[in-house]
Amino acid sequence: MGKKMEKYFIALVPEGRVRELAEDVKAALNERFGVKYALKSPAHVTVKMPFLWKESKEDELKRILSRFAANQEPFPLLLKGFGHFRQRVIYIHIWPQRRLEELQAALQELAKGKLKLDLELSDQSFRPHMTVAYNDLKKRDFQACFDFVRDLGFDQRVQIEDVALLKKRHGKWEVLTRFPLGGLEV
């Protein structure tokens, strides 16, 4: 185990109806357009971009994140409509939410200070979204793909009760641990 570096990231991974509906959108895009990269992770909103961490220090990372989450409050999230970044990424739009921005800013400080992680440009210019297609979305299919999801629509609200640590295993991202927001400090 020792010095082996693994990839992790931190996200909001809603459970229940929102996750099911988002996964249904990803599955429909795969079936209709052959877009499958987004299927390699659960439906989520990234709050800390992927980073490398020593696997032997995974428990320490979990302790730090548990304490962090215990000092944050649960909050509602509104997911409505679709957007895109250029013609490469299609996502479910996350409506602006002060509590989400505060959580991400606090996590950015934790990552930079206590975890000694480099901050990515996307950490510093946070644009919350839930990706449903990327990477293997062909430019020629973009407009048809975007029109398809726009016609599907998306309008859901979910209460965010935890943050999740995800780890890359066998080419897929899996939720490793969930940390309750506002929980008892451990």
C-alpha atoms as a PDB file:
ATOM      1  CA  MET A   1       0.000   0.000   0.000  1.00  0.00           C
ATOM      2  CA  GLY A   2       2.708   2.515   1.101  1.00  0.00           C
ATOM      3  CA  LYS A   3       3.230   5.212  -1.507  1.00  0.00           C
ATOM      4  CA  LYS A   4       0.581   4.150  -4.016  1.00  0.00           C
ATOM      5  CA  MET A   5      -1.271   7.216  -5.289  1.00  0.00           C
ATOM      6  CA  GLU A   6      -4.949   6.921  -6.124  1.00  0.00           C
ATOM      7  CA  LYS A   7      -7.432   9.341  -7.706  1.00  0.00           C
ATOM      8  CA  TYR A   8     -10.219  10.845  -5.597  1.00  0.00           C
ATOM      9  CA  PHE A   9     -12.707  13.687  -5.850  1.00  0.00           C
ATOM     10  CA  ILE A  10     -15.368  15.228  -3.625  1.00  0.00           C
ATOM     11  CA  ALA A  11     -18.949  15.696  -4.774  1.00  0.00           C
ATOM     12  CA  LEU A  12     -22.593  15.950  -3.907  1.00  0.00           C
ATOM     13  CA  VAL A  13     -24.179  12.649  -4.926  1.00  0.00           C
ATOM     14  CA  PRO A  14     -27.937  12.922  -4.484  1.00  0.00           C
ATOM     15  CA  GLU A  15     -29.899   9.802  -3.686  1.00  0.00           C
ATOM     16  CA  GLY A  16     -33.450   8.901  -4.678  1.00  0.00           C
ATOM     17  CA  ARG A  17     -35.494  10.382  -7.501  1.00  0.00           C
ATOM     18  CA  VAL A  18     -33.005  13.056  -8.620  1.00  0.00           C
ATOM     19  CA  ARG A  19     -30.230  10.527  -9.040  1.00  0.00           C
ATOM     20  CA  GLU A  20     -32.538   8.055 -10.807  1.00  0.00           C
ATOM     21  CA  LEU A  21     -33.757  10.696 -13.259  1.00  0.00           C
ATOM     22  CA  ALA A  22     -30.225  11.942 -13.972  1.00  0.00           C
ATOM     23  CA  GLU A  23     -29.033   8.365 -14.521  1.00  0.00           C
ATOM     24  CA  ASP A  24     -32.005   7.822 -16.865  1.00  0.00           C
ATOM     25  CA  VAL A  25     -30.885  10.829 -18.937  1.00  0.00           C
ATOM     26  CA  LYS A  26     -27.334   9.447 -19.154  1.00  0.00           C
ATOM     27  CA  ALA A  27     -28.670   6.007 -20.159  1.00  0.00           C
ATOM     28  CA  ALA A  28     -30.928   7.533 -22.838  1.00  0.00           C
ATOM     29  CA  LEU A  29     -27.976   9.496 -24.268  1.00  0.00           C
ATOM     30  CA  ASN A  30     -25.918   6.320 -24.340  1.00  0.00           C
ATOM     31  CA  GLU A  31     -28.671   4.382 -26.090  1.00  0.00           C
ATOM     32  CA  ARG A  32     -29.480   7.078 -28.629  1.00  0.00           C
ATOM     33  CA  PHE A  33     -26.086   8.680 -29.284  1.00  0.00           C
ATOM     34  CA  GLY A  34     -23.544   6.152 -27.967  1.00  0.00           C
ATOM     35  CA  VAL A  35     -22.384   8.620 -25.295  1.00  0.00           C
ATOM     36  CA  LYS A  36     -21.112   6.527 -22.396  1.00  0.00           C
ATOM     37  CA  TYR A  37     -18.302   8.323 -20.480  1.00  0.00           C
ATOM     38  CA  ALA A  38     -20.782   9.953 -18.096  1.00  0.00           C
ATOM     39  CA  LEU A  39     -21.884   6.444 -17.074  1.00  0.00           C
ATOM     40  CA  LYS A  40     -18.473   5.909 -15.422  1.00  0.00           C
ATOM     41  CA  SER A  41     -19.565   7.872 -12.339  1.00  0.00           C
ATOM     42  CA  PRO A  42     -22.782   8.281 -10.367  1.00  0.00           C
ATOM     43  CA  ALA A  43     -24.806  11.430 -11.067  1.00  0.00           C
ATOM     44  CA  HIS A  44     -23.054  14.126  -9.036  1.00  0.00           C
ATOM     45  CA  VAL A  45     -22.073  17.769  -8.594  1.00  0.00           C
ATOM     46  CA  THR A  46     -18.291  18.078  -8.242  1.00  0.00           C
ATOM     47  CA  VAL A  47     -17.173  20.329  -5.376  1.00  0.00           C
ATOM     48  CA  LYS A  48     -13.442  19.380  -5.526  1.00  0.00           C
ATOM     49  CA  MET A  49     -11.894  18.288  -8.792  1.00  0.00           C
ATOM     50  CA  PRO A  50     -10.055  14.926  -8.991  1.00  0.00           C
ATOM     51  CA  PHE A  51      -6.768  14.790  -7.117  1.00  0.00           C
ATOM     52  CA  LEU A  52      -4.080  12.250  -6.273  1.00  0.00           C
ATOM     53  CA  TRP A  53      -3.738  11.050  -2.658  1.00  0.00           C
ATOM     54  CA  LYS A  54      -1.655   8.349  -1.011  1.00  0.00           C
ATOM     55  CA  GLU A  55      -3.887   5.358  -0.496  1.00  0.00           C
ATOM     56  CA  SER A  56      -2.079   4.626   2.777  1.00  0.00           C
ATOM     57  CA  LYS A  57      -3.371   7.999   4.075  1.00  0.00           C
ATOM     58  CA  GLU A  58      -6.977   7.409   3.008  1.00  0.00           C
ATOM     59  CA  ASP A  59      -8.205   7.142   6.628  1.00  0.00           C
ATOM     60  CA  GLU A  60      -6.627  10.506   7.425  1.00  0.00           C
ATOM     61  CA  LEU A  61      -8.416  12.040   4.415  1.00  0.00           C
ATOM     62  CA  LYS A  62     -11.719  10.571   5.636  1.00  0.00           C
ATOM     63  CA  ARG A  63     -11.205  11.986   9.158  1.00  0.00           C
ATOM     64  CA  ILE A  64     -10.467  15.455   7.803  1.00  0.00           C
ATOM     65  CA  LEU A  65     -13.504  15.379   5.513  1.00  0.00           C
ATOM     66  CA  SER A  66     -15.746  14.059   8.290  1.00  0.00           C
ATOM     67  CA  ARG A  67     -14.797  17.008  10.526  1.00  0.00           C
ATOM     68  CA  PHE A  68     -15.265  19.414   7.633  1.00  0.00           C
ATOM     69  CA  ALA A  69     -18.746  18.095   6.805  1.00  0.00           C
ATOM     70  CA  ALA A  70     -19.812  18.142  10.462  1.00  0.00           C
ATOM     71  CA  ASN A  71     -19.342  21.915  10.413  1.00  0.00           C
ATOM     72  CA  GLN A  72     -21.487  22.474   7.310  1.00  0.00           C
ATOM     73  CA  GLU A  73     -25.277  22.676   7.185  1.00  0.00           C
ATOM     74  CA  PRO A  74     -27.617  20.696   4.899  1.00  0.00           C
ATOM     75  CA  PHE A  75     -29.226  22.755   2.126  1.00  0.00           C
ATOM     76  CA  PRO A  76     -31.661  22.415  -0.786  1.00  0.00           C
ATOM     77  CA  LEU A  77     -30.462  22.167  -4.372  1.00  0.00           C
ATOM     78  CA  LEU A  78     -32.559  23.048  -7.415  1.00  0.00           C
ATOM     79  CA  LEU A  79     -31.697  21.257 -10.662  1.00  0.00           C
ATOM     80  CA  LYS A  80     -33.558  22.771 -13.590  1.00  0.00           C
ATOM     81  CA  GLY A  81     -32.990  22.560 -17.309  1.00  0.00           C
ATOM     82  CA  PHE A  82     -29.848  21.784 -19.267  1.00  0.00           C
ATOM     83  CA  GLY A  83     -26.793  23.719 -20.312  1.00  0.00           C
ATOM     84  CA  HIS A  84     -23.509  23.073 -22.062  1.00  0.00           C
ATOM     85  CA  PHE A  85     -19.852  24.035 -22.084  1.00  0.00           C
ATOM     86  CA  ARG A  86     -18.956  24.677 -25.711  1.00  0.00           C
ATOM     87  CA  GLN A  87     -19.954  21.628 -27.752  1.00  0.00           C
ATOM     88  CA  ARG A  88     -18.158  19.176 -25.470  1.00  0.00           C
ATOM     89  CA  VAL A  89     -20.183  18.882 -22.254  1.00  0.00           C
ATOM     90  CA  ILE A  90     -23.927  18.720 -21.627  1.00  0.00           C
ATOM     91  CA  TYR A  91     -25.150  19.077 -18.061  1.00  0.00           C
ATOM     92  CA  ILE A  92     -28.158  19.533 -15.823  1.00  0.00           C
ATOM     93  CA  HIS A  93     -28.177  23.129 -14.640  1.00  0.00           C
ATOM     94  CA  ILE A  94     -27.765  23.770 -10.903  1.00  0.00           C
ATOM     95  CA  TRP A  95     -29.469  27.003  -9.891  1.00  0.00           C
ATOM     96  CA  PRO A  96     -27.356  29.429  -7.866  1.00  0.00           C
ATOM     97  CA  GLN A  97     -27.381  28.563  -4.178  1.00  0.00           C
ATOM     98  CA  ARG A  98     -25.441  30.563  -1.573  1.00  0.00           C
ATOM     99  CA  ARG A  99     -24.972  27.539   0.734  1.00  0.00           C
ATOM    100  CA  LEU A 100     -23.457  25.481  -2.105  1.00  0.00           C
ATOM    101  CA  GLU A 101     -21.056  28.294  -2.969  1.00  0.00           C
ATOM    102  CA  GLU A 102     -20.084  28.642   0.706  1.00  0.00           C
ATOM    103  CA  LEU A 103     -19.517  24.878   1.016  1.00  0.00           C
ATOM    104  CA  GLN A 104     -17.325  24.826  -2.089  1.00  0.00           C
ATOM    105  CA  ALA A 105     -15.322  27.880  -0.961  1.00  0.00           C
ATOM    106  CA  ALA A 106     -14.732  26.313   2.472  1.00  0.00           C
ATOM    107  CA  LEU A 107     -13.719  23.034   0.837  1.00  0.00           C
ATOM    108  CA  GLN A 108     -11.337  24.919  -1.470  1.00  0.00           C
ATOM    109  CA  GLU A 109      -9.644  26.456   1.587  1.00  0.00           C
ATOM    110  CA  LEU A 110      -9.434  23.045   3.275  1.00  0.00           C
ATOM    111  CA  ALA A 111      -7.955  21.479   0.122  1.00  0.00           C
ATOM    112  CA  LYS A 112      -5.355  24.205  -0.265  1.00  0.00           C
ATOM    113  CA  GLY A 113      -4.471  24.518   3.432  1.00  0.00           C
ATOM    114  CA  LYS A 114      -4.906  21.282   5.340  1.00  0.00           C
ATOM    115  CA  LEU A 115      -4.779  18.800   2.440  1.00  0.00           C
ATOM    116  CA  LYS A 116      -1.994  20.652   0.564  1.00  0.00           C
ATOM    117  CA  LEU A 117      -3.708  20.060  -2.788  1.00  0.00           C
ATOM    118  CA  ASP A 118      -3.208  22.185  -5.869  1.00  0.00           C
ATOM    119  CA  LEU A 119      -6.292  24.123  -6.892  1.00  0.00           C
ATOM    120  CA  GLU A 120      -7.501  23.599 -10.427  1.00  0.00           C
ATOM    121  CA  LEU A 121      -8.863  26.501 -12.471  1.00  0.00           C
ATOM    122  CA  SER A 122     -12.326  24.923 -12.176  1.00  0.00           C
ATOM    123  CA  ASP A 123     -11.942  24.892  -8.351  1.00  0.00           C
ATOM    124  CA  GLN A 124     -11.401  28.638  -8.468  1.00  0.00           C
ATOM    125  CA  SER A 125     -14.164  29.469 -10.962  1.00  0.00           C
ATOM    126  CA  PHE A 126     -16.862  27.180  -9.575  1.00  0.00           C
ATOM    127  CA  ARG A 127     -19.763  26.512 -11.971  1.00  0.00           C
ATOM    128  CA  PRO A 128     -21.900  23.824 -10.344  1.00  0.00           C
ATOM    129  CA  HIS A 129     -23.483  21.373 -12.760  1.00  0.00           C
ATOM    130  CA  MET A 130     -24.374  17.695 -13.145  1.00  0.00           C
ATOM    131  CA  THR A 131     -22.726  16.292 -16.271  1.00  0.00           C
ATOM    132  CA  VAL A 132     -24.756  13.929 -18.457  1.00  0.00           C
ATOM    133  CA  ALA A 133     -22.491  13.833 -21.549  1.00  0.00           C
ATOM    134  CA  TYR A 134     -18.815  14.674 -22.137  1.00  0.00           C
ATOM    135  CA  ASN A 135     -15.563  13.493 -23.711  1.00  0.00           C
ATOM    136  CA  ASP A 136     -17.107  11.040 -26.178  1.00  0.00           C
ATOM    137  CA  LEU A 137     -19.834  13.467 -27.313  1.00  0.00           C
ATOM    138  CA  LYS A 138     -19.111  13.927 -31.003  1.00  0.00           C
ATOM    139  CA  LYS A 139     -19.314  17.465 -32.376  1.00  0.00           C
ATOM    140  CA  ARG A 140     -21.551  16.298 -35.234  1.00  0.00           C
ATOM    141  CA  ASP A 141     -24.046  14.898 -32.673  1.00  0.00           C
ATOM    142  CA  PHE A 142     -23.931  17.813 -30.256  1.00  0.00           C
ATOM    143  CA  GLN A 143     -26.980  19.780 -31.434  1.00  0.00           C
ATOM    144  CA  ALA A 144     -29.216  16.707 -31.772  1.00  0.00           C
ATOM    145  CA  CYS A 145     -28.029  15.504 -28.361  1.00  0.00           C
ATOM    146  CA  PHE A 146     -28.663  18.879 -26.724  1.00  0.00           C
ATOM    147  CA  ASP A 147     -32.090  19.228 -28.367  1.00  0.00           C
ATOM    148  CA  PHE A 148     -32.942  15.729 -27.117  1.00  0.00           C
ATOM    149  CA  VAL A 149     -32.173  16.502 -23.445  1.00  0.00           C
ATOM    150  CA  ARG A 150     -33.771  19.941 -23.646  1.00  0.00           C
ATOM    151  CA  ASP A 151     -36.987  18.269 -24.835  1.00  0.00           C
ATOM    152  CA  LEU A 152     -36.768  15.800 -21.931  1.00  0.00           C
ATOM    153  CA  GLY A 153     -36.611  18.660 -19.442  1.00  0.00           C
ATOM    154  CA  PHE A 154     -35.430  18.443 -15.849  1.00  0.00           C
ATOM    155  CA  ASP A 155     -36.937  20.165 -12.828  1.00  0.00           C
ATOM    156  CA  GLN A 156     -36.104  18.666  -9.439  1.00  0.00           C
ATOM    157  CA  ARG A 157     -35.274  19.784  -5.925  1.00  0.00           C
ATOM    158  CA  VAL A 158     -33.222  17.711  -3.495  1.00  0.00           C
ATOM    159  CA  GLN A 159     -32.039  18.238   0.069  1.00  0.00           C
ATOM    160  CA  ILE A 160     -28.259  17.830   0.288  1.00  0.00           C
ATOM    161  CA  GLU A 161     -27.490  15.991   3.533  1.00  0.00           C
ATOM    162  CA  ASP A 162     -23.900  14.894   2.905  1.00  0.00           C
ATOM    163  CA  VAL A 163     -20.766  15.198   0.778  1.00  0.00           C
ATOM    164  CA  ALA A 164     -19.176  12.152  -0.798  1.00  0.00           C
ATOM    165  CA  LEU A 165     -15.597  11.082  -1.348  1.00  0.00           C
ATOM    166  CA  LEU A 166     -15.300   9.184  -4.625  1.00  0.00           C
ATOM    167  CA  LYS A 167     -12.409   6.955  -5.665  1.00  0.00           C
ATOM    168  CA  LYS A 168     -11.484   5.688  -9.106  1.00  0.00           C
ATOM    169  CA  ARG A 169     -11.569   1.888  -9.240  1.00  0.00           C
ATOM    170  CA  HIS A 170     -11.226  -0.206 -12.384  1.00  0.00           C
ATOM    171  CA  GLY A 171     -11.841   2.833 -14.602  1.00  0.00           C
ATOM    172  CA  LYS A 172     -15.024   3.924 -12.798  1.00  0.00           C
ATOM    173  CA  TRP A 173     -15.733   6.394 -10.005  1.00  0.00           C
ATOM    174  CA  GLU A 174     -17.374   4.899  -6.904  1.00  0.00           C
ATOM    175  CA  VAL A 175     -18.645   6.544  -3.740  1.00  0.00           C
ATOM    176  CA  LEU A 176     -16.120   5.515  -1.099  1.00  0.00           C
ATOM    177  CA  THR A 177     -17.627   7.316   1.902  1.00  0.00           C
ATOM    178  CA  ARG A 178     -20.410   9.804   2.630  1.00  0.00           C
ATOM    179  CA  PHE A 179     -19.946  12.475   5.286  1.00  0.00           C
ATOM    180  CA  PRO A 180     -23.120  13.853   6.897  1.00  0.00           C
ATOM    181  CA  LEU A 181     -23.466  17.622   6.899  1.00  0.00           C
ATOM    182  CA  GLY A 182     -24.025  19.120  10.339  1.00  0.00           C
ATOM    183  CA  GLY A 183     -23.416  15.724  11.921  1.00  0.00           C
ATOM    184  CA  LEU A 184     -21.572  15.055  15.136  1.00  0.00           C
ATOM    185  CA  GLU A 185     -17.860  15.724  14.893  1.00  0.00           C
ATOM    186  CA  VAL A 186     -15.740  12.582  15.058  1.00  0.00           C
END
